[in-house]
C-alpha atoms as a PDB file:
ATOM      1  CA  MET A   1       5.032 -52.387  -3.315  1.00  0.00           C
ATOM      2  CA  GLU A   2       3.199 -54.968  -5.396  1.00  0.00           C
ATOM      3  CA  GLY A   3       3.539 -54.095  -9.136  1.00  0.00           C
ATOM      4  CA  GLY A   4       6.389 -52.011  -8.079  1.00  0.00           C
ATOM      5  CA  SER A   5       6.808 -48.610  -8.159  1.00  0.00           C
ATOM      6  CA  VAL A   6       5.913 -45.489 -11.171  1.00  0.00           C
ATOM      7  CA  GLU A   7      10.073 -45.123 -11.609  1.00  0.00           C
ATOM      8  CA  SER A   8      11.273 -48.589 -11.081  1.00  0.00           C
ATOM      9  CA  SER A   9       8.085 -49.694 -13.391  1.00  0.00           C
ATOM     10  CA  GLY A  10       8.490 -47.320 -15.896  1.00  0.00           C
ATOM     11  CA  ALA A  11       5.014 -47.115 -15.549  1.00  0.00           C
ATOM     12  CA  THR A  12       2.990 -43.414 -16.825  1.00  0.00           C
ATOM     13  CA  LEU A  13       0.509 -41.591 -15.015  1.00  0.00           C
ATOM     14  CA  ALA A  14      -3.413 -41.601 -16.237  1.00  0.00           C
ATOM     15  CA  PRO A  15      -4.725 -38.576 -18.145  1.00  0.00           C
ATOM     16  CA  ALA A  16      -6.381 -37.785 -14.077  1.00  0.00           C
ATOM     17  CA  ALA A  17      -3.893 -38.420 -12.197  1.00  0.00           C
ATOM     18  CA  GLU A  18      -1.143 -35.605 -14.758  1.00  0.00           C
ATOM     19  CA  ALA A  19      -4.358 -33.304 -14.910  1.00  0.00           C
ATOM     20  CA  ALA A  20      -4.177 -33.063 -10.655  1.00  0.00           C
ATOM     21  CA  VAL A  21      -0.034 -32.823 -11.108  1.00  0.00           C
ATOM     22  CA  ALA A  22      -0.377 -29.984 -13.575  1.00  0.00           C
ATOM     23  CA  ALA A  23      -3.242 -28.253 -11.546  1.00  0.00           C
ATOM     24  CA  ALA A  24      -1.459 -29.124  -8.517  1.00  0.00           C
ATOM     25  CA  ALA A  25       1.958 -27.428  -9.752  1.00  0.00           C
ATOM     26  CA  ALA A  26      -0.601 -23.986 -11.361  1.00  0.00           C
ATOM     27  CA  ALA A  27      -1.282 -23.056  -7.724  1.00  0.00           C
ATOM     28  CA  SER A  28       1.672 -23.185  -6.528  1.00  0.00           C
ATOM     29  CA  HIS A  29       3.275 -21.117  -8.832  1.00  0.00           C
ATOM     30  CA  TYR A  30       2.604 -17.551  -8.771  1.00  0.00           C
ATOM     31  CA  SER A  31       2.724 -15.472 -12.470  1.00  0.00           C
ATOM     32  CA  LEU A  32       2.143 -11.331 -13.090  1.00  0.00           C
ATOM     33  CA  PRO A  33       0.671 -11.109 -15.958  1.00  0.00           C
ATOM     34  CA  PRO A  34       2.339  -9.044 -18.386  1.00  0.00           C
ATOM     35  CA  SER A  35       1.509  -5.703 -18.608  1.00  0.00           C
ATOM     36  CA  ARG A  36       3.144  -2.113 -19.940  1.00  0.00           C
ATOM     37  CA  PHE A  37       4.336  -0.230 -17.578  1.00  0.00           C
ATOM     38  CA  GLN A  38       3.096   3.356 -16.995  1.00  0.00           C
ATOM     39  CA  SER A  39       4.996   6.132 -16.298  1.00  0.00           C
ATOM     40  CA  GLU A  40       4.245   8.910 -13.880  1.00  0.00           C
ATOM     41  CA  ASP A  41       2.592  12.372 -14.255  1.00  0.00           C
ATOM     42  CA  ILE A  42       3.024  13.798 -10.648  1.00  0.00           C
ATOM     43  CA  LEU A  43       1.297  17.200  -9.303  1.00  0.00           C
ATOM     44  CA  PHE A  44       3.103  18.009  -5.801  1.00  0.00           C
ATOM     45  CA  CYS A  45       0.305  20.308  -3.898  1.00  0.00           C
ATOM     46  CA  VAL A  46       2.425  21.890  -0.667  1.00  0.00           C
ATOM     47  CA  ASP A  47       0.118  23.661   2.210  1.00  0.00           C
ATOM     48  CA  VAL A  48       1.756  26.819   2.305  1.00  0.00           C
ATOM     49  CA  ASP A  49      -0.640  28.623   5.533  1.00  0.00           C
ATOM     50  CA  ALA A  50       0.991  30.221   8.166  1.00  0.00           C
ATOM     51  CA  GLU A  51       1.785  26.783  10.156  1.00  0.00           C
ATOM     52  CA  SER A  52       4.277  25.624   7.740  1.00  0.00           C
ATOM     53  CA  ARG A  53       6.194  28.269   9.037  1.00  0.00           C
ATOM     54  CA  ARG A  54       6.519  26.009  12.445  1.00  0.00           C
ATOM     55  CA  GLU A  55       9.714  24.475  13.092  1.00  0.00           C
ATOM     56  CA  MET A  56      10.939  21.147  12.521  1.00  0.00           C
ATOM     57  CA  LYS A  57      14.273  19.282  13.862  1.00  0.00           C
ATOM     58  CA  LEU A  58      16.883  17.721  11.279  1.00  0.00           C
ATOM     59  CA  SER A  59      17.986  14.933  13.407  1.00  0.00           C
ATOM     60  CA  GLY A  60      16.976  14.233  16.990  1.00  0.00           C
ATOM     61  CA  PRO A  61      16.069  16.451  19.766  1.00  0.00           C
ATOM     62  CA  LYS A  62      19.276  18.828  19.711  1.00  0.00           C
ATOM     63  CA  GLY A  63      18.919  18.854  15.414  1.00  0.00           C
ATOM     64  CA  ARG A  64      19.075  22.255  13.871  1.00  0.00           C
ATOM     65  CA  PRO A  65      15.738  23.258  13.407  1.00  0.00           C
ATOM     66  CA  ILE A  66      14.265  23.793  10.378  1.00  0.00           C
ATOM     67  CA  THR A  67      10.535  24.868   8.692  1.00  0.00           C
ATOM     68  CA  ARG A  68       7.947  22.863   8.014  1.00  0.00           C
ATOM     69  CA  LEU A  69       8.038  24.167   4.814  1.00  0.00           C
ATOM     70  CA  ASP A  70      12.149  24.106   4.272  1.00  0.00           C
ATOM     71  CA  ALA A  71      11.878  20.380   5.368  1.00  0.00           C
ATOM     72  CA  VAL A  72       9.196  19.736   2.922  1.00  0.00           C
ATOM     73  CA  LYS A  73      11.056  21.265  -0.176  1.00  0.00           C
ATOM     74  CA  GLN A  74      13.893  18.770   0.700  1.00  0.00           C
ATOM     75  CA  ALA A  75      11.301  15.983   0.468  1.00  0.00           C
ATOM     76  CA  LEU A  76      10.270  16.450  -2.138  1.00  0.00           C
ATOM     77  CA  LEU A  77      13.601  17.086  -3.840  1.00  0.00           C
ATOM     78  CA  LEU A  78      14.289  12.869  -2.513  1.00  0.00           C
ATOM     79  CA  PHE A  79      11.764  11.950  -4.024  1.00  0.00           C
ATOM     80  CA  VAL A  80      11.578  13.680  -7.645  1.00  0.00           C
ATOM     81  CA  HIS A  81      15.756  12.486  -8.091  1.00  0.00           C
ATOM     82  CA  SER A  82      14.874   8.889  -7.044  1.00  0.00           C
ATOM     83  CA  LYS A  83      11.463   9.082  -9.130  1.00  0.00           C
ATOM     84  CA  VAL A  84      14.019  10.248 -12.246  1.00  0.00           C
ATOM     85  CA  ALA A  85      17.135   7.533 -11.303  1.00  0.00           C
ATOM     86  CA  ILE A  86      13.465   4.966 -11.241  1.00  0.00           C
ATOM     87  CA  ASN A  87      12.496   6.211 -14.115  1.00  0.00           C
ATOM     88  CA  SER A  88      13.299   8.797 -16.352  1.00  0.00           C
ATOM     89  CA  ASP A  89      10.255   9.341 -18.174  1.00  0.00           C
ATOM     90  CA  HIS A  90       8.244  10.530 -15.079  1.00  0.00           C
ATOM     91  CA  ARG A  91       6.558  13.970 -14.685  1.00  0.00           C
ATOM     92  CA  PHE A  92       6.105  15.908 -12.447  1.00  0.00           C
ATOM     93  CA  ALA A  93       4.040  19.975 -11.629  1.00  0.00           C
ATOM     94  CA  LEU A  94       3.499  21.473  -8.535  1.00  0.00           C
ATOM     95  CA  SER A  95       1.019  23.317  -6.872  1.00  0.00           C
ATOM     96  CA  ALA A  96       0.362  25.220  -3.720  1.00  0.00           C
ATOM     97  CA  LEU A  97      -2.822  25.114  -0.970  1.00  0.00           C
ATOM     98  CA  SER A  98      -3.305  28.849   0.823  1.00  0.00           C
ATOM     99  CA  GLN A  99      -7.325  29.396   0.585  1.00  0.00           C
ATOM    100  CA  SER A 100      -7.514  27.518  -2.292  1.00  0.00           C
ATOM    101  CA  VAL A 101      -5.149  25.756  -4.642  1.00  0.00           C
ATOM    102  CA  SER A 102      -3.010  27.287  -7.263  1.00  0.00           C
ATOM    103  CA  TRP A 103      -0.120  26.585  -9.961  1.00  0.00           C
ATOM    104  CA  VAL A 104       3.427  26.999  -9.481  1.00  0.00           C
ATOM    105  CA  ARG A 105       4.376  25.019 -12.189  1.00  0.00           C
ATOM    106  CA  LYS A 106       1.621  24.136 -14.878  1.00  0.00           C
ATOM    107  CA  GLU A 107       3.600  21.964 -17.484  1.00  0.00           C
ATOM    108  CA  PHE A 108       4.851  19.015 -16.211  1.00  0.00           C
ATOM    109  CA  THR A 109       8.495  18.074 -16.515  1.00  0.00           C
ATOM    110  CA  ASN A 110      11.195  15.910 -15.935  1.00  0.00           C
ATOM    111  CA  ASP A 111      14.098  18.488 -16.010  1.00  0.00           C
ATOM    112  CA  ILE A 112      14.830  18.233 -12.433  1.00  0.00           C
ATOM    113  CA  ASN A 113      16.394  22.040 -12.562  1.00  0.00           C
ATOM    114  CA  LEU A 114      12.916  23.498 -13.568  1.00  0.00           C
ATOM    115  CA  VAL A 115      11.332  21.136 -10.350  1.00  0.00           C
ATOM    116  CA  THR A 116      14.172  22.218  -8.485  1.00  0.00           C
ATOM    117  CA  GLU A 117      13.503  25.753  -9.489  1.00  0.00           C
ATOM    118  CA  ALA A 118       9.662  25.430  -8.964  1.00  0.00           C
ATOM    119  CA  VAL A 119      10.283  24.142  -5.478  1.00  0.00           C
ATOM    120  CA  ARG A 120      12.332  26.400  -4.687  1.00  0.00           C
ATOM    121  CA  SER A 121      10.000  29.515  -5.176  1.00  0.00           C
ATOM    122  CA  LEU A 122       7.322  28.021  -2.379  1.00  0.00           C
ATOM    123  CA  THR A 123       6.819  30.380   0.015  1.00  0.00           C
ATOM    124  CA  THR A 124       4.648  30.525   3.207  1.00  0.00           C
ATOM    125  CA  VAL A 125       1.477  33.343   2.493  1.00  0.00           C
ATOM    126  CA  GLU A 126       2.048  35.790   5.897  1.00  0.00           C
ATOM    127  CA  SER A 127      -1.465  35.350   8.174  1.00  0.00           C
ATOM    128  CA  PRO A 128      -3.297  31.995   8.008  1.00  0.00           C
ATOM    129  CA  SER A 129      -5.578  31.692   5.549  1.00  0.00           C
ATOM    130  CA  GLY A 130      -8.793  30.080   7.871  1.00  0.00           C
ATOM    131  CA  LEU A 131      -9.894  28.166   4.981  1.00  0.00           C
ATOM    132  CA  ALA A 132      -8.829  25.182   2.544  1.00  0.00           C
ATOM    133  CA  ASP A 133     -10.994  24.087  -0.397  1.00  0.00           C
ATOM    134  CA  ILE A 134      -9.089  21.621  -2.402  1.00  0.00           C
ATOM    135  CA  THR A 135     -11.960  21.237  -5.192  1.00  0.00           C
ATOM    136  CA  GLN A 136      -9.971  23.517  -7.610  1.00  0.00           C
ATOM    137  CA  LEU A 137      -6.657  20.595  -6.597  1.00  0.00           C
ATOM    138  CA  PHE A 138      -9.392  18.418  -7.694  1.00  0.00           C
ATOM    139  CA  ARG A 139     -10.643  19.917 -10.579  1.00  0.00           C
ATOM    140  CA  ILE A 140      -7.119  20.444 -11.759  1.00  0.00           C
ATOM    141  CA  ALA A 141      -6.026  16.607 -11.703  1.00  0.00           C
ATOM    142  CA  ALA A 142      -9.018  15.432 -13.211  1.00  0.00           C
ATOM    143  CA  HIS A 143      -8.116  17.636 -15.973  1.00  0.00           C
ATOM    144  CA  GLU A 144      -4.968  16.323 -16.554  1.00  0.00           C
ATOM    145  CA  ALA A 145      -5.723  12.973 -15.592  1.00  0.00           C
ATOM    146  CA  LYS A 146      -7.696  12.531 -19.089  1.00  0.00           C
ATOM    147  CA  LYS A 147      -4.355  14.209 -21.268  1.00  0.00           C
ATOM    148  CA  SER A 148      -2.010  11.495 -19.059  1.00  0.00           C
ATOM    149  CA  ARG A 149      -4.659   9.073 -19.649  1.00  0.00           C
ATOM    150  CA  ALA A 150      -4.146   9.851 -23.276  1.00  0.00           C
ATOM    151  CA  GLN A 151      -0.949   9.048 -23.687  1.00  0.00           C
ATOM    152  CA  GLY A 152      -0.926   6.325 -22.257  1.00  0.00           C
ATOM    153  CA  ARG A 153       0.715   7.349 -18.661  1.00  0.00           C
ATOM    154  CA  ILE A 154      -1.248   7.852 -15.556  1.00  0.00           C
ATOM    155  CA  PHE A 155      -1.883  10.835 -13.105  1.00  0.00           C
ATOM    156  CA  ARG A 156      -1.098  11.191  -8.901  1.00  0.00           C
ATOM    157  CA  VAL A 157      -1.681  14.307  -6.914  1.00  0.00           C
ATOM    158  CA  ILE A 158       0.392  13.516  -3.645  1.00  0.00           C
ATOM    159  CA  LEU A 159      -0.871  16.363  -1.414  1.00  0.00           C
ATOM    160  CA  ILE A 160       1.796  17.756   1.549  1.00  0.00           C
ATOM    161  CA  TYR A 161      -0.987  18.969   4.515  1.00  0.00           C
ATOM    162  CA  CYS A 162       0.338  21.078   7.432  1.00  0.00           C
ATOM    163  CA  ARG A 163      -2.792  22.719   9.643  1.00  0.00           C
ATOM    164  CA  SER A 164      -3.462  21.003  12.985  1.00  0.00           C
ATOM    165  CA  SER A 165      -7.068  22.718  12.972  1.00  0.00           C
ATOM    166  CA  VAL A 166      -8.764  23.562   9.418  1.00  0.00           C
ATOM    167  CA  ARG A 167     -10.207  21.138   7.676  1.00  0.00           C
ATOM    168  CA  PRO A 168      -9.810  20.124   4.283  1.00  0.00           C
ATOM    169  CA  HIS A 169     -13.248  20.546   2.647  1.00  0.00           C
ATOM    170  CA  HIS A 170     -14.131  19.817  -1.015  1.00  0.00           C
ATOM    171  CA  GLN A 171     -17.401  19.382  -3.347  1.00  0.00           C
ATOM    172  CA  TRP A 172     -17.101  16.522  -5.367  1.00  0.00           C
ATOM    173  CA  PRO A 173     -19.005  13.613  -7.394  1.00  0.00           C
ATOM    174  CA  VAL A 174     -17.881  10.364  -5.681  1.00  0.00           C
ATOM    175  CA  SER A 175     -18.682   8.581  -9.743  1.00  0.00           C
ATOM    176  CA  GLN A 176     -15.446  10.407 -10.192  1.00  0.00           C
ATOM    177  CA  LYS A 177     -11.980   8.026  -9.293  1.00  0.00           C
ATOM    178  CA  LEU A 178      -9.521   9.391 -12.430  1.00  0.00           C
ATOM    179  CA  PHE A 179      -6.782   9.737 -10.495  1.00  0.00           C
ATOM    180  CA  THR A 180      -4.465   8.460  -7.617  1.00  0.00           C
ATOM    181  CA  MET A 181      -3.752  10.293  -4.405  1.00  0.00           C
ATOM    182  CA  ASP A 182      -1.501   9.812  -1.222  1.00  0.00           C
ATOM    183  CA  VAL A 183      -1.298  12.778   1.908  1.00  0.00           C
ATOM    184  CA  ILE A 184       1.377  13.177   4.077  1.00  0.00           C
ATOM    185  CA  TYR A 185      -0.414  15.606   7.030  1.00  0.00           C
ATOM    186  CA  LEU A 186       2.049  17.189   9.217  1.00  0.00           C
ATOM    187  CA  HIS A 187       0.403  18.671  12.318  1.00  0.00           C
ATOM    188  CA  ASP A 188       0.775  20.113  15.785  1.00  0.00           C
ATOM    189  CA  LYS A 189       0.192  17.453  18.678  1.00  0.00           C
ATOM    190  CA  PRO A 190      -3.584  17.836  19.846  1.00  0.00           C
ATOM    191  CA  GLY A 191      -4.519  20.787  22.844  1.00  0.00           C
ATOM    192  CA  PRO A 192      -7.362  23.319  22.992  1.00  0.00           C
ATOM    193  CA  GLU A 193      -6.991  24.731  19.240  1.00  0.00           C
ATOM    194  CA  ASN A 194      -6.047  22.281  17.783  1.00  0.00           C
ATOM    195  CA  CYS A 195      -7.564  18.172  16.320  1.00  0.00           C
ATOM    196  CA  PRO A 196      -5.763  16.870  14.363  1.00  0.00           C
ATOM    197  CA  GLN A 197      -7.321  13.648  14.242  1.00  0.00           C
ATOM    198  CA  LYS A 198     -10.431  15.876  13.089  1.00  0.00           C
ATOM    199  CA  VAL A 199      -8.541  16.809  10.101  1.00  0.00           C
ATOM    200  CA  TYR A 200      -6.926  13.860   9.672  1.00  0.00           C
ATOM    201  CA  ASP A 201     -10.324  11.939   9.106  1.00  0.00           C
ATOM    202  CA  ALA A 202     -11.292  14.177   6.290  1.00  0.00           C
ATOM    203  CA  LEU A 203      -8.091  14.346   4.869  1.00  0.00           C
ATOM    204  CA  VAL A 204      -8.383   9.850   4.563  1.00  0.00           C
ATOM    205  CA  ASP A 205     -12.247  11.026   3.448  1.00  0.00           C
ATOM    206  CA  ALA A 206     -10.882  12.738   0.484  1.00  0.00           C
ATOM    207  CA  LEU A 207      -8.609  10.593   0.021  1.00  0.00           C
ATOM    208  CA  GLU A 208     -11.186   7.544  -0.702  1.00  0.00           C
ATOM    209  CA  HIS A 209     -13.327   9.849  -2.559  1.00  0.00           C
ATOM    210  CA  VAL A 210     -11.087  10.518  -5.156  1.00  0.00           C
ATOM    211  CA  SER A 211      -8.465   7.713  -5.110  1.00  0.00           C
ATOM    212  CA  GLU A 212      -8.345   5.176  -7.875  1.00  0.00           C
ATOM    213  CA  ASN A 213      -5.192   2.646  -7.255  1.00  0.00           C
ATOM    214  CA  GLU A 214      -4.376   2.366  -3.640  1.00  0.00           C
ATOM    215  CA  GLY A 215      -3.703   5.576  -1.947  1.00  0.00           C
ATOM    216  CA  TYR A 216      -1.453   6.583   1.552  1.00  0.00           C
ATOM    217  CA  ILE A 217      -2.173   8.378   4.207  1.00  0.00           C
ATOM    218  CA  PHE A 218       0.486   9.023   6.479  1.00  0.00           C
ATOM    219  CA  GLU A 219       1.348  11.699   9.344  1.00  0.00           C
ATOM    220  CA  SER A 220       3.456  13.300  11.793  1.00  0.00           C
ATOM    221  CA  GLY A 221       2.677  15.128  14.966  1.00  0.00           C
ATOM    222  CA  GLN A 222       7.034  14.979  15.802  1.00  0.00           C
ATOM    223  CA  GLY A 223       8.175  17.206  14.545  1.00  0.00           C
ATOM    224  CA  LEU A 224      10.996  15.368  13.134  1.00  0.00           C
ATOM    225  CA  ALA A 225      12.148  15.580   9.188  1.00  0.00           C
ATOM    226  CA  ARG A 226      13.304  12.201   8.944  1.00  0.00           C
ATOM    227  CA  VAL A 227      10.249  11.139   9.631  1.00  0.00           C
ATOM    228  CA  LEU A 228       9.207  13.269   6.517  1.00  0.00           C
ATOM    229  CA  PHE A 229      11.677  12.074   4.504  1.00  0.00           C
ATOM    230  CA  ARG A 230      11.239   8.652   5.350  1.00  0.00           C
ATOM    231  CA  GLN A 231       7.462   8.955   4.337  1.00  0.00           C
ATOM    232  CA  ILE A 232       8.092  10.558   1.194  1.00  0.00           C
ATOM    233  CA  CYS A 233      10.656   7.869   0.575  1.00  0.00           C
ATOM    234  CA  THR A 234       7.639   4.960   1.099  1.00  0.00           C
ATOM    235  CA  LEU A 235       5.788   7.060  -1.376  1.00  0.00           C
ATOM    236  CA  LEU A 236       8.067   6.022  -4.580  1.00  0.00           C
ATOM    237  CA  ALA A 237       5.600   3.324  -4.569  1.00  0.00           C
ATOM    238  CA  HIS A 238       4.066   2.883  -8.114  1.00  0.00           C
ATOM    239  CA  PRO A 239      -0.447   2.853  -7.733  1.00  0.00           C
ATOM    240  CA  VAL A 240      -0.121  -0.231 -10.198  1.00  0.00           C
ATOM    241  CA  GLN A 241       1.911  -2.117  -7.343  1.00  0.00           C
ATOM    242  CA  ARG A 242       1.130  -1.641  -4.154  1.00  0.00           C
ATOM    243  CA  CYS A 243      -0.206  -3.347  -1.359  1.00  0.00           C
ATOM    244  CA  VAL A 244      -2.793  -1.867   0.424  1.00  0.00           C
ATOM    245  CA  GLN A 245      -1.379   0.503   3.346  1.00  0.00           C
ATOM    246  CA  ASP A 246      -2.579  -2.128   6.318  1.00  0.00           C
ATOM    247  CA  ASP A 247       0.028  -4.789   4.982  1.00  0.00           C
ATOM    248  CA  LEU A 248       2.394  -1.868   3.822  1.00  0.00           C
ATOM    249  CA  ASP A 249       5.343  -3.633   6.420  1.00  0.00           C
ATOM    250  CA  ILE A 250       8.373  -0.817   5.449  1.00  0.00           C
ATOM    251  CA  PRO A 251      10.388   0.350   6.146  1.00  0.00           C
ATOM    252  CA  LYS A 252      11.524  -2.305   8.560  1.00  0.00           C
ATOM    253  CA  SER A 253      12.235  -2.121  11.631  1.00  0.00           C
ATOM    254  CA  LEU A 254      15.867  -1.451  12.840  1.00  0.00           C
ATOM    255  CA  THR A 255      15.505  -2.689  16.906  1.00  0.00           C
ATOM    256  CA  ARG A 256      17.505  -5.954  16.962  1.00  0.00           C
ATOM    257  CA  LYS A 257      15.478  -8.681  18.248  1.00  0.00           C
ATOM    258  CA  VAL A 258      17.206 -10.347  21.149  1.00  0.00           C
ATOM    259  CA  PRO A 259      17.630 -14.391  20.322  1.00  0.00           C
ATOM    260  CA  THR A 260      15.860 -16.437  22.895  1.00  0.00           C
ATOM    261  CA  ASP A 261      18.535 -18.834  23.282  1.00  0.00           C
ATOM    262  CA  VAL A 262      21.407 -15.955  24.808  1.00  0.00           C
ATOM    263  CA  THR A 263      23.874 -18.038  27.444  1.00  0.00           C
ATOM    264  CA  ALA A 264      23.557 -15.932  30.343  1.00  0.00           C
ATOM    265  CA  GLY A 265      26.749 -13.274  31.147  1.00  0.00           C
ATOM    266  CA  GLU A 266      26.291 -12.503  27.671  1.00  0.00           C
ATOM    267  CA  GLU A 267      25.017  -8.525  26.874  1.00  0.00           C
ATOM    268  CA  SER A 268      22.944  -7.823  24.361  1.00  0.00           C
ATOM    269  CA  VAL A 269      23.766  -4.267  23.114  1.00  0.00           C
ATOM    270  CA  PRO A 270      20.123  -2.449  22.393  1.00  0.00           C
ATOM    271  CA  VAL A 271      19.488  -0.491  19.007  1.00  0.00           C
ATOM    272  CA  SER A 272      17.385   2.567  19.261  1.00  0.00           C
ATOM    273  CA  THR A 273      14.660   2.828  16.141  1.00  0.00           C
ATOM    274  CA  VAL A 274      14.950   4.914  13.477  1.00  0.00           C
END
């Protein structure tokens, strides 16, 4: 090259070229602005209607059956232990949903023993409630969220709902979004007396109505406790660090992908998904 290259001639880039190089480097570099980590106050709300006595299986078609409520209790304790292991400053409280919402443990705590005691005290109601009003849940959450925010914390509600034909309803102003809401929906298969799709749609509407950050909603009609455990573990994600649920690609499938260049005569061993 006439005049030689930059490296061989010792020449320097013109200011405009330097600016272009700097801009290109900045565009290709991702950085997350520093911010103060906010601990969470998490309010569990567990549906204790008669349908929470329906059976689930611990593992596979021959697994030992347990009730939905028992599986939910195990899932909540798994969540609490894991969340405290991540950050011991997270705190938890517990409420129950029958016709409306009532406190089980009102004081937020990070003491696992106190949370365990509250979770284990949950019991189902004797007969179907016929109504699921979550307005009181939103009132409680909005009140507690203001207190959490004043302490530099964020507030989250995790609702676990178990009814296949009763749609939850609420009366709550659209303009108020003071907390994040997640939902896990356990239901029976569709049938003449069940309308889980309509119930699910109502839960989605409720979540979108109140959730400040990206809220997640999961459902399962399979009756497998391991699906519930997998879903509750996904909810460990901190609300301000989440992607939108449509972009969520965890947990990863365990299915083994067979290479396209497998030679003739080689056998592949299929691995079932979990």
